[in-house]
Amino acid sequence: MRKIKAAVFASGTGSNFQAIMEKRDLHCEVVLLVCDKQGAGVIRKAEKYDVPVLEFNPKSYASKAEYEAMLVEKLMEAGVTWIFLAGYMRIAGPVLLQAFENNIINIHPSLLPDFPGKDAIGQAYAAGVGKTGVTVHYIDEGIDTGPIIAQEGVAVLPDDTEEALKKRIQDVEHQLYPEVINRLVRE
């Protein structure tokens, strides 16, 4: 049986990309890393795993629709049927959403709908909540508003620092995301 082909979109260090790549029984093949930040740490991780990298600068395109059309073309050429967002700091637009409808998922470091958008861990820490966590969800046109697939809570401890909380959340992300990916690509 041929494995489903997937792309990971990331903008940063790539810890979730690495967790996906280290999943021993991953039921899909990551055939492309898409990165919108020149020199991002995730690029070196992709090279380590021999995953081709599509690095692009959104500012060199006239519009989001134009760069997303380029992305869709490259993804189709690679045979990609699933997209996993892993710290990709751009909102998917209509071109990408229509081409991969119901096949784009994201991981977010909070229990959505609480603390959507950037710096969710910092938001939760500043709010003084007793519990936050991790959400895997489908992407829609909003910011962290798509249907939730899975969530796992993480306690905020009384003596936590924001950095300690971030570490525990990332530990959960690195376990949950590859498991959810495996479940989805088998359905």
N, C-alpha and C. Protein backbone atom coordinates (compact mmCIF):
# COMPACT_ATOMS: atom_id res chain seq x y z
N MET A 1 0.84 -1.19 0.00
CA MET A 1 0.00 0.00 0.00
C MET A 1 0.88 1.25 0.00
N ARG A 2 0.56 2.19 -0.89
CA ARG A 2 1.33 3.43 -0.95
C ARG A 2 0.91 4.36 0.17
N LYS A 3 1.91 5.00 0.74
CA LYS A 3 1.63 5.93 1.83
C LYS A 3 1.06 7.23 1.28
N ILE A 4 0.18 7.83 2.06
CA ILE A 4 -0.35 9.15 1.76
C ILE A 4 0.80 10.14 1.85
N LYS A 5 0.82 11.11 0.94
CA LYS A 5 1.87 12.13 0.94
C LYS A 5 1.36 13.40 1.61
N ALA A 6 2.23 13.97 2.46
CA ALA A 6 1.87 15.14 3.24
C ALA A 6 2.95 16.20 3.16
N ALA A 7 2.56 17.43 3.44
CA ALA A 7 3.49 18.54 3.58
C ALA A 7 3.32 19.12 4.97
N VAL A 8 4.42 19.58 5.54
CA VAL A 8 4.38 20.30 6.81
C VAL A 8 4.71 21.75 6.51
N PHE A 9 3.91 22.67 7.04
CA PHE A 9 4.15 24.10 6.91
C PHE A 9 4.65 24.58 8.28
N ALA A 10 5.80 25.25 8.30
CA ALA A 10 6.36 25.75 9.55
C ALA A 10 7.11 27.05 9.31
N SER A 11 7.21 27.86 10.36
CA SER A 11 7.89 29.15 10.28
C SER A 11 9.03 29.30 11.28
N GLY A 12 9.19 28.34 12.19
CA GLY A 12 10.13 28.55 13.29
C GLY A 12 11.18 27.47 13.45
N THR A 13 11.33 27.04 14.70
CA THR A 13 12.40 26.09 15.03
C THR A 13 12.11 24.67 14.56
N GLY A 14 10.83 24.31 14.47
CA GLY A 14 10.48 23.01 13.93
C GLY A 14 10.40 21.88 14.93
N SER A 15 10.08 22.16 16.19
CA SER A 15 10.02 21.07 17.17
C SER A 15 8.87 20.11 16.84
N ASN A 16 7.73 20.61 16.37
CA ASN A 16 6.64 19.72 15.99
C ASN A 16 6.94 18.99 14.69
N PHE A 17 7.63 19.64 13.76
CA PHE A 17 8.09 18.95 12.54
C PHE A 17 8.96 17.77 12.94
N GLN A 18 9.89 17.99 13.84
CA GLN A 18 10.79 16.94 14.28
C GLN A 18 10.01 15.81 14.95
N ALA A 19 9.03 16.14 15.78
CA ALA A 19 8.22 15.11 16.44
C ALA A 19 7.47 14.26 15.41
N ILE A 20 6.96 14.89 14.37
CA ILE A 20 6.28 14.15 13.31
C ILE A 20 7.27 13.21 12.61
N MET A 21 8.44 13.73 12.29
CA MET A 21 9.43 12.93 11.56
C MET A 21 9.98 11.78 12.42
N GLU A 22 9.98 11.94 13.73
CA GLU A 22 10.51 10.90 14.61
C GLU A 22 9.47 9.85 14.99
N LYS A 23 8.23 10.04 14.58
CA LYS A 23 7.18 9.05 14.86
C LYS A 23 7.52 7.78 14.08
N ARG A 24 7.80 6.71 14.80
CA ARG A 24 8.29 5.46 14.18
C ARG A 24 7.30 4.84 13.19
N ASP A 25 6.03 4.89 13.51
CA ASP A 25 5.04 4.24 12.65
C ASP A 25 4.14 5.27 11.96
N LEU A 26 4.72 6.35 11.47
CA LEU A 26 3.94 7.39 10.80
C LEU A 26 3.30 6.80 9.55
N HIS A 27 1.99 6.96 9.43
CA HIS A 27 1.23 6.35 8.35
C HIS A 27 1.13 7.24 7.11
N CYS A 28 2.04 8.18 6.98
CA CYS A 28 2.11 9.00 5.78
C CYS A 28 3.57 9.35 5.54
N GLU A 29 3.84 9.86 4.36
CA GLU A 29 5.20 10.26 4.01
C GLU A 29 5.24 11.78 3.88
N VAL A 30 6.10 12.41 4.65
CA VAL A 30 6.27 13.87 4.54
C VAL A 30 7.21 14.11 3.36
N VAL A 31 6.65 14.69 2.29
CA VAL A 31 7.41 14.86 1.05
C VAL A 31 7.84 16.30 0.81
N LEU A 32 7.40 17.23 1.69
CA LEU A 32 7.75 18.63 1.49
C LEU A 32 7.58 19.40 2.79
N LEU A 33 8.57 20.27 3.06
CA LEU A 33 8.44 21.27 4.12
C LEU A 33 8.24 22.61 3.42
N VAL A 34 7.21 23.34 3.80
CA VAL A 34 6.96 24.67 3.28
C VAL A 34 7.28 25.66 4.39
N CYS A 35 8.17 26.61 4.10
CA CYS A 35 8.61 27.57 5.11
C CYS A 35 8.61 28.97 4.53
N ASP A 36 8.02 29.90 5.27
CA ASP A 36 7.91 31.29 4.83
C ASP A 36 8.93 32.21 5.51
N LYS A 37 9.87 31.64 6.25
CA LYS A 37 10.89 32.44 6.95
C LYS A 37 12.28 31.99 6.54
N GLN A 38 12.99 32.86 5.87
CA GLN A 38 14.34 32.54 5.42
C GLN A 38 15.22 32.19 6.62
N GLY A 39 15.91 31.06 6.52
CA GLY A 39 16.85 30.66 7.55
C GLY A 39 16.23 30.09 8.82
N ALA A 40 14.93 29.81 8.82
CA ALA A 40 14.28 29.25 10.01
C ALA A 40 14.93 27.92 10.40
N GLY A 41 14.97 27.64 11.69
CA GLY A 41 15.59 26.41 12.20
C GLY A 41 14.99 25.14 11.64
N VAL A 42 13.69 25.17 11.29
CA VAL A 42 13.04 23.98 10.75
C VAL A 42 13.67 23.54 9.43
N ILE A 43 14.28 24.45 8.70
CA ILE A 43 14.90 24.10 7.41
C ILE A 43 16.05 23.12 7.63
N ARG A 44 16.87 23.38 8.63
CA ARG A 44 17.98 22.45 8.94
C ARG A 44 17.44 21.09 9.36
N LYS A 45 16.34 21.07 10.08
CA LYS A 45 15.75 19.80 10.49
C LYS A 45 15.24 19.03 9.27
N ALA A 46 14.63 19.72 8.33
CA ALA A 46 14.15 19.07 7.11
C ALA A 46 15.31 18.47 6.33
N GLU A 47 16.41 19.21 6.24
CA GLU A 47 17.60 18.70 5.54
C GLU A 47 18.12 17.44 6.21
N LYS A 48 18.09 17.40 7.54
CA LYS A 48 18.54 16.23 8.30
C LYS A 48 17.72 14.99 7.93
N TYR A 49 16.42 15.18 7.67
CA TYR A 49 15.54 14.07 7.33
C TYR A 49 15.38 13.89 5.81
N ASP A 50 16.18 14.60 5.03
CA ASP A 50 16.11 14.54 3.57
C ASP A 50 14.72 14.89 3.02
N VAL A 51 14.06 15.83 3.66
CA VAL A 51 12.76 16.31 3.19
C VAL A 51 13.01 17.56 2.37
N PRO A 52 12.56 17.57 1.11
CA PRO A 52 12.71 18.78 0.29
C PRO A 52 12.05 19.99 0.94
N VAL A 53 12.64 21.15 0.76
CA VAL A 53 12.15 22.39 1.36
C VAL A 53 11.71 23.36 0.27
N LEU A 54 10.52 23.90 0.44
CA LEU A 54 10.04 24.99 -0.40
C LEU A 54 10.04 26.23 0.49
N GLU A 55 11.06 27.04 0.33
CA GLU A 55 11.21 28.27 1.11
C GLU A 55 10.75 29.42 0.22
N PHE A 56 9.85 30.25 0.72
CA PHE A 56 9.35 31.36 -0.09
C PHE A 56 9.19 32.60 0.77
N ASN A 57 9.22 33.74 0.10
CA ASN A 57 9.03 35.03 0.76
C ASN A 57 7.69 35.60 0.31
N PRO A 58 6.68 35.59 1.17
CA PRO A 58 5.36 36.09 0.78
C PRO A 58 5.39 37.52 0.23
N LYS A 59 6.34 38.32 0.70
CA LYS A 59 6.41 39.72 0.25
C LYS A 59 6.84 39.86 -1.21
N SER A 60 7.38 38.79 -1.78
CA SER A 60 7.79 38.87 -3.18
C SER A 60 6.63 38.56 -4.14
N TYR A 61 5.44 38.36 -3.60
CA TYR A 61 4.25 38.11 -4.42
C TYR A 61 3.29 39.29 -4.29
N ALA A 62 2.51 39.52 -5.32
CA ALA A 62 1.59 40.65 -5.33
C ALA A 62 0.44 40.47 -4.33
N SER A 63 0.10 39.22 -4.02
CA SER A 63 -1.02 38.97 -3.11
C SER A 63 -0.90 37.59 -2.47
N LYS A 64 -1.70 37.39 -1.44
CA LYS A 64 -1.77 36.08 -0.81
C LYS A 64 -2.28 35.04 -1.81
N ALA A 65 -3.27 35.41 -2.61
CA ALA A 65 -3.81 34.48 -3.60
C ALA A 65 -2.72 34.03 -4.57
N GLU A 66 -1.83 34.94 -4.92
CA GLU A 66 -0.75 34.60 -5.86
C GLU A 66 0.24 33.61 -5.25
N TYR A 67 0.69 33.84 -4.01
CA TYR A 67 1.65 32.88 -3.45
C TYR A 67 0.96 31.58 -3.07
N GLU A 68 -0.31 31.64 -2.69
CA GLU A 68 -1.00 30.38 -2.39
C GLU A 68 -1.22 29.56 -3.66
N ALA A 69 -1.45 30.22 -4.80
CA ALA A 69 -1.58 29.48 -6.07
C ALA A 69 -0.26 28.78 -6.39
N MET A 70 0.86 29.44 -6.15
CA MET A 70 2.17 28.82 -6.35
C MET A 70 2.32 27.62 -5.41
N LEU A 71 1.92 27.78 -4.14
CA LEU A 71 2.02 26.69 -3.18
C LEU A 71 1.17 25.50 -3.62
N VAL A 72 -0.06 25.74 -4.03
CA VAL A 72 -0.95 24.67 -4.47
C VAL A 72 -0.33 23.92 -5.64
N GLU A 73 0.24 24.66 -6.59
CA GLU A 73 0.89 24.02 -7.74
C GLU A 73 2.03 23.10 -7.29
N LYS A 74 2.89 23.59 -6.40
CA LYS A 74 4.02 22.79 -5.91
C LYS A 74 3.54 21.58 -5.09
N LEU A 75 2.51 21.78 -4.29
CA LEU A 75 1.97 20.68 -3.49
C LEU A 75 1.36 19.60 -4.38
N MET A 76 0.65 20.02 -5.41
CA MET A 76 0.05 19.06 -6.34
C MET A 76 1.14 18.29 -7.10
N GLU A 77 2.19 19.01 -7.52
CA GLU A 77 3.31 18.35 -8.21
C GLU A 77 3.94 17.27 -7.33
N ALA A 78 3.98 17.51 -6.02
CA ALA A 78 4.58 16.55 -5.07
C ALA A 78 3.60 15.45 -4.66
N GLY A 79 2.35 15.53 -5.12
CA GLY A 79 1.36 14.51 -4.77
C GLY A 79 0.80 14.63 -3.37
N VAL A 80 0.90 15.80 -2.77
CA VAL A 80 0.45 16.03 -1.39
C VAL A 80 -1.08 16.00 -1.32
N THR A 81 -1.59 15.28 -0.32
CA THR A 81 -3.04 15.28 -0.07
C THR A 81 -3.39 15.81 1.32
N TRP A 82 -2.40 15.91 2.23
CA TRP A 82 -2.62 16.45 3.58
C TRP A 82 -1.59 17.52 3.87
N ILE A 83 -2.01 18.55 4.61
CA ILE A 83 -1.11 19.60 5.07
C ILE A 83 -1.21 19.67 6.59
N PHE A 84 -0.04 19.63 7.25
CA PHE A 84 0.03 19.74 8.70
C PHE A 84 0.74 21.04 9.04
N LEU A 85 0.04 21.97 9.67
CA LEU A 85 0.63 23.23 10.10
C LEU A 85 1.31 22.99 11.45
N ALA A 86 2.56 23.40 11.54
CA ALA A 86 3.35 23.15 12.75
C ALA A 86 4.15 24.41 13.07
N GLY A 87 3.46 25.39 13.62
CA GLY A 87 4.12 26.66 13.90
C GLY A 87 4.22 27.52 12.66
N TYR A 88 3.27 27.37 11.75
CA TYR A 88 3.21 28.21 10.54
C TYR A 88 2.43 29.46 10.92
N MET A 89 3.07 30.60 10.80
CA MET A 89 2.50 31.83 11.36
C MET A 89 1.75 32.68 10.34
N ARG A 90 1.08 32.01 9.40
CA ARG A 90 0.25 32.71 8.42
C ARG A 90 -1.15 32.10 8.43
N ILE A 91 -2.13 32.92 8.12
CA ILE A 91 -3.50 32.45 8.03
C ILE A 91 -3.71 31.90 6.62
N ALA A 92 -4.23 30.68 6.53
CA ALA A 92 -4.51 30.09 5.22
C ALA A 92 -5.65 30.86 4.56
N GLY A 93 -5.48 31.13 3.28
CA GLY A 93 -6.49 31.86 2.52
C GLY A 93 -7.34 30.93 1.68
N PRO A 94 -8.30 31.51 0.94
CA PRO A 94 -9.26 30.72 0.17
C PRO A 94 -8.62 29.78 -0.86
N VAL A 95 -7.54 30.19 -1.48
CA VAL A 95 -6.92 29.35 -2.51
C VAL A 95 -6.44 28.04 -1.91
N LEU A 96 -5.73 28.11 -0.81
CA LEU A 96 -5.21 26.92 -0.14
C LEU A 96 -6.35 26.10 0.50
N LEU A 97 -7.29 26.79 1.14
CA LEU A 97 -8.40 26.11 1.80
C LEU A 97 -9.26 25.34 0.80
N GLN A 98 -9.50 25.90 -0.36
CA GLN A 98 -10.33 25.21 -1.36
C GLN A 98 -9.60 24.02 -1.97
N ALA A 99 -8.31 24.15 -2.21
CA ALA A 99 -7.54 23.07 -2.83
C ALA A 99 -7.38 21.88 -1.89
N PHE A 100 -7.34 22.13 -0.59
CA PHE A 100 -7.11 21.06 0.40
C PHE A 100 -8.23 21.03 1.45
N GLU A 101 -9.45 21.20 1.00
CA GLU A 101 -10.59 21.27 1.90
C GLU A 101 -10.65 20.05 2.82
N ASN A 102 -10.76 20.32 4.12
CA ASN A 102 -10.83 19.29 5.16
C ASN A 102 -9.56 18.44 5.27
N ASN A 103 -8.47 18.89 4.68
CA ASN A 103 -7.21 18.15 4.75
C ASN A 103 -6.06 19.03 5.21
N ILE A 104 -6.37 20.08 5.97
CA ILE A 104 -5.35 20.93 6.59
C ILE A 104 -5.65 20.96 8.08
N ILE A 105 -4.65 20.56 8.88
CA ILE A 105 -4.83 20.61 10.32
C ILE A 105 -3.71 21.42 10.96
N ASN A 106 -3.99 21.88 12.16
CA ASN A 106 -3.05 22.72 12.91
C ASN A 106 -2.97 22.25 14.35
N ILE A 107 -1.84 22.51 14.97
CA ILE A 107 -1.69 22.29 16.40
C ILE A 107 -1.55 23.65 17.06
N HIS A 108 -2.27 23.83 18.17
CA HIS A 108 -2.29 25.13 18.86
C HIS A 108 -2.07 24.91 20.35
N PRO A 109 -1.22 25.73 20.99
CA PRO A 109 -0.86 25.51 22.39
C PRO A 109 -1.83 26.13 23.41
N SER A 110 -3.11 25.77 23.29
CA SER A 110 -4.11 26.12 24.30
C SER A 110 -5.30 25.20 24.11
N LEU A 111 -6.23 25.25 25.04
CA LEU A 111 -7.48 24.53 24.90
C LEU A 111 -8.47 25.48 24.22
N LEU A 112 -8.47 25.45 22.90
CA LEU A 112 -9.38 26.33 22.16
C LEU A 112 -10.81 26.03 22.58
N PRO A 113 -11.67 27.03 22.65
CA PRO A 113 -11.51 28.35 22.06
C PRO A 113 -10.73 29.35 22.93
N ASP A 114 -10.22 28.93 24.08
CA ASP A 114 -9.44 29.84 24.92
C ASP A 114 -8.09 30.15 24.27
N PHE A 115 -7.69 31.38 24.31
CA PHE A 115 -6.37 31.86 23.91
C PHE A 115 -5.99 31.53 22.46
N PRO A 116 -6.81 31.95 21.50
CA PRO A 116 -6.45 31.76 20.09
C PRO A 116 -5.36 32.75 19.69
N GLY A 117 -4.78 32.53 18.53
CA GLY A 117 -3.81 33.47 17.97
C GLY A 117 -2.42 33.30 18.55
N LYS A 118 -1.64 34.37 18.40
CA LYS A 118 -0.23 34.34 18.81
C LYS A 118 -0.08 34.33 20.32
N ASP A 119 1.03 33.77 20.78
CA ASP A 119 1.44 33.75 22.18
C ASP A 119 0.37 33.19 23.11
N ALA A 120 -0.22 32.07 22.73
CA ALA A 120 -1.28 31.46 23.54
C ALA A 120 -0.76 31.07 24.92
N ILE A 121 0.48 30.59 24.99
CA ILE A 121 1.04 30.19 26.28
C ILE A 121 1.20 31.41 27.18
N GLY A 122 1.73 32.49 26.62
CA GLY A 122 1.87 33.74 27.38
C GLY A 122 0.53 34.29 27.82
N GLN A 123 -0.48 34.18 26.95
CA GLN A 123 -1.82 34.64 27.30
C GLN A 123 -2.37 33.85 28.48
N ALA A 124 -2.23 32.52 28.42
CA ALA A 124 -2.73 31.66 29.50
C ALA A 124 -2.00 31.93 30.81
N TYR A 125 -0.69 32.07 30.72
CA TYR A 125 0.12 32.32 31.91
C TYR A 125 -0.28 33.65 32.56
N ALA A 126 -0.42 34.69 31.73
CA ALA A 126 -0.78 36.02 32.24
C ALA A 126 -2.19 36.03 32.84
N ALA A 127 -3.07 35.19 32.29
CA ALA A 127 -4.45 35.16 32.79
C ALA A 127 -4.57 34.42 34.12
N GLY A 128 -3.53 33.69 34.49
CA GLY A 128 -3.54 32.99 35.77
C GLY A 128 -4.48 31.79 35.82
N VAL A 129 -4.75 31.17 34.68
CA VAL A 129 -5.63 30.01 34.65
C VAL A 129 -4.96 28.81 35.32
N GLY A 130 -5.75 27.87 35.79
CA GLY A 130 -5.22 26.67 36.43
C GLY A 130 -4.94 25.55 35.45
N LYS A 131 -5.50 25.69 34.24
CA LYS A 131 -5.32 24.64 33.23
C LYS A 131 -5.33 25.27 31.84
N THR A 132 -4.44 24.79 31.01
CA THR A 132 -4.42 25.15 29.60
C THR A 132 -4.18 23.84 28.86
N GLY A 133 -3.55 23.87 27.71
CA GLY A 133 -3.32 22.60 27.02
C GLY A 133 -2.97 22.74 25.56
N VAL A 134 -3.40 21.73 24.80
CA VAL A 134 -3.06 21.61 23.39
C VAL A 134 -4.32 21.23 22.62
N THR A 135 -4.49 21.82 21.45
CA THR A 135 -5.61 21.50 20.57
C THR A 135 -5.09 21.19 19.18
N VAL A 136 -5.61 20.12 18.58
CA VAL A 136 -5.40 19.86 17.16
C VAL A 136 -6.75 20.12 16.50
N HIS A 137 -6.74 20.93 15.44
CA HIS A 137 -8.01 21.30 14.81
C HIS A 137 -7.85 21.45 13.30
N TYR A 138 -8.98 21.33 12.61
CA TYR A 138 -9.00 21.61 11.18
C TYR A 138 -8.87 23.12 10.98
N ILE A 139 -8.34 23.49 9.85
CA ILE A 139 -8.19 24.90 9.51
C ILE A 139 -9.40 25.38 8.74
N ASP A 140 -9.87 26.56 9.07
CA ASP A 140 -10.89 27.25 8.30
C ASP A 140 -10.39 28.67 8.05
N GLU A 141 -11.27 29.55 7.63
CA GLU A 141 -10.83 30.91 7.28
C GLU A 141 -10.54 31.79 8.49
N GLY A 142 -10.86 31.35 9.68
CA GLY A 142 -10.63 32.14 10.88
C GLY A 142 -9.27 31.87 11.51
N ILE A 143 -9.04 32.46 12.66
CA ILE A 143 -7.80 32.25 13.41
C ILE A 143 -8.12 31.28 14.54
N ASP A 144 -7.66 30.04 14.38
CA ASP A 144 -7.86 28.99 15.38
C ASP A 144 -9.33 28.75 15.68
N THR A 145 -10.16 28.78 14.63
CA THR A 145 -11.61 28.62 14.81
C THR A 145 -12.16 27.34 14.18
N GLY A 146 -11.33 26.56 13.50
CA GLY A 146 -11.81 25.35 12.83
C GLY A 146 -12.24 24.27 13.80
N PRO A 147 -12.99 23.28 13.30
CA PRO A 147 -13.48 22.19 14.14
C PRO A 147 -12.34 21.49 14.89
N ILE A 148 -12.58 21.23 16.17
CA ILE A 148 -11.57 20.59 17.03
C ILE A 148 -11.56 19.09 16.79
N ILE A 149 -10.37 18.54 16.65
CA ILE A 149 -10.18 17.11 16.46
C ILE A 149 -9.81 16.44 17.78
N ALA A 150 -8.88 17.03 18.51
CA ALA A 150 -8.42 16.45 19.77
C ALA A 150 -7.87 17.55 20.67
N GLN A 151 -8.00 17.34 21.98
CA GLN A 151 -7.44 18.26 22.97
C GLN A 151 -6.86 17.47 24.12
N GLU A 152 -5.83 18.03 24.73
CA GLU A 152 -5.27 17.44 25.94
C GLU A 152 -4.89 18.57 26.88
N GLY A 153 -5.32 18.47 28.13
CA GLY A 153 -5.06 19.51 29.11
C GLY A 153 -3.67 19.42 29.71
N VAL A 154 -3.19 20.58 30.15
CA VAL A 154 -1.92 20.70 30.87
C VAL A 154 -2.17 21.63 32.06
N ALA A 155 -1.88 21.13 33.26
CA ALA A 155 -2.08 21.95 34.46
C ALA A 155 -1.06 23.08 34.51
N VAL A 156 -1.51 24.23 34.97
CA VAL A 156 -0.61 25.34 35.25
C VAL A 156 -0.31 25.24 36.75
N LEU A 157 0.93 24.94 37.07
CA LEU A 157 1.32 24.72 38.45
C LEU A 157 1.56 26.04 39.19
N PRO A 158 1.34 26.06 40.51
CA PRO A 158 1.48 27.31 41.27
C PRO A 158 2.85 27.97 41.13
N ASP A 159 3.91 27.17 41.02
CA ASP A 159 5.26 27.75 40.93
C ASP A 159 5.80 27.77 39.49
N ASP A 160 4.91 27.62 38.51
CA ASP A 160 5.33 27.60 37.11
C ASP A 160 5.95 28.92 36.68
N THR A 161 6.94 28.80 35.81
CA THR A 161 7.38 29.93 35.01
C THR A 161 6.74 29.74 33.65
N GLU A 162 6.69 30.78 32.87
CA GLU A 162 6.14 30.66 31.53
C GLU A 162 6.95 29.64 30.71
N GLU A 163 8.27 29.63 30.90
CA GLU A 163 9.14 28.70 30.17
C GLU A 163 8.87 27.25 30.57
N ALA A 164 8.67 26.99 31.86
CA ALA A 164 8.37 25.63 32.32
C ALA A 164 7.03 25.15 31.76
N LEU A 165 6.05 26.03 31.75
CA LEU A 165 4.74 25.71 31.19
C LEU A 165 4.87 25.40 29.70
N LYS A 166 5.63 26.22 29.00
CA LYS A 166 5.84 26.01 27.55
C LYS A 166 6.45 24.63 27.29
N LYS A 167 7.42 24.25 28.10
CA LYS A 167 8.08 22.95 27.93
C LYS A 167 7.08 21.81 28.08
N ARG A 168 6.22 21.88 29.11
CA ARG A 168 5.24 20.81 29.32
C ARG A 168 4.21 20.77 28.21
N ILE A 169 3.81 21.94 27.71
CA ILE A 169 2.86 22.00 26.59
C ILE A 169 3.50 21.39 25.35
N GLN A 170 4.75 21.73 25.07
CA GLN A 170 5.43 21.17 23.89
C GLN A 170 5.58 19.66 24.01
N ASP A 171 5.84 19.15 25.20
CA ASP A 171 5.93 17.70 25.39
C ASP A 171 4.61 17.03 24.99
N VAL A 172 3.49 17.64 25.37
CA VAL A 172 2.18 17.10 24.99
C VAL A 172 1.98 17.22 23.48
N GLU A 173 2.33 18.37 22.91
CA GLU A 173 2.20 18.56 21.46
C GLU A 173 2.93 17.46 20.69
N HIS A 174 4.16 17.18 21.12
CA HIS A 174 5.01 16.24 20.39
C HIS A 174 4.48 14.81 20.44
N GLN A 175 3.66 14.50 21.43
CA GLN A 175 3.01 13.18 21.50
C GLN A 175 1.67 13.20 20.76
N LEU A 176 0.86 14.21 21.02
CA LEU A 176 -0.51 14.26 20.49
C LEU A 176 -0.56 14.44 18.98
N TYR A 177 0.23 15.34 18.43
CA TYR A 177 0.11 15.67 17.01
C TYR A 177 0.39 14.46 16.11
N PRO A 178 1.50 13.76 16.28
CA PRO A 178 1.73 12.59 15.42
C PRO A 178 0.66 11.51 15.58
N GLU A 179 0.12 11.34 16.78
CA GLU A 179 -0.94 10.35 17.01
C GLU A 179 -2.20 10.73 16.23
N VAL A 180 -2.58 12.02 16.29
CA VAL A 180 -3.77 12.49 15.58
C VAL A 180 -3.55 12.37 14.07
N ILE A 181 -2.38 12.73 13.60
CA ILE A 181 -2.05 12.60 12.18
C ILE A 181 -2.25 11.15 11.74
N ASN A 182 -1.72 10.21 12.48
CA ASN A 182 -1.88 8.80 12.12
C ASN A 182 -3.35 8.39 12.05
N ARG A 183 -4.12 8.85 13.01
CA ARG A 183 -5.54 8.50 13.01
C ARG A 183 -6.25 9.08 11.78
N LEU A 184 -5.97 10.33 11.46
CA LEU A 184 -6.65 10.99 10.34
C LEU A 184 -6.30 10.39 8.99
N VAL A 185 -5.03 10.12 8.77
CA VAL A 185 -4.63 9.63 7.44
C VAL A 185 -5.07 8.19 7.20
N ARG A 186 -5.43 7.47 8.26
CA ARG A 186 -5.94 6.10 8.11
C ARG A 186 -7.44 6.07 7.84
N GLU A 187 -8.15 7.15 8.14
CA GLU A 187 -9.62 7.16 7.96
C GLU A 187 -10.01 7.21 6.51
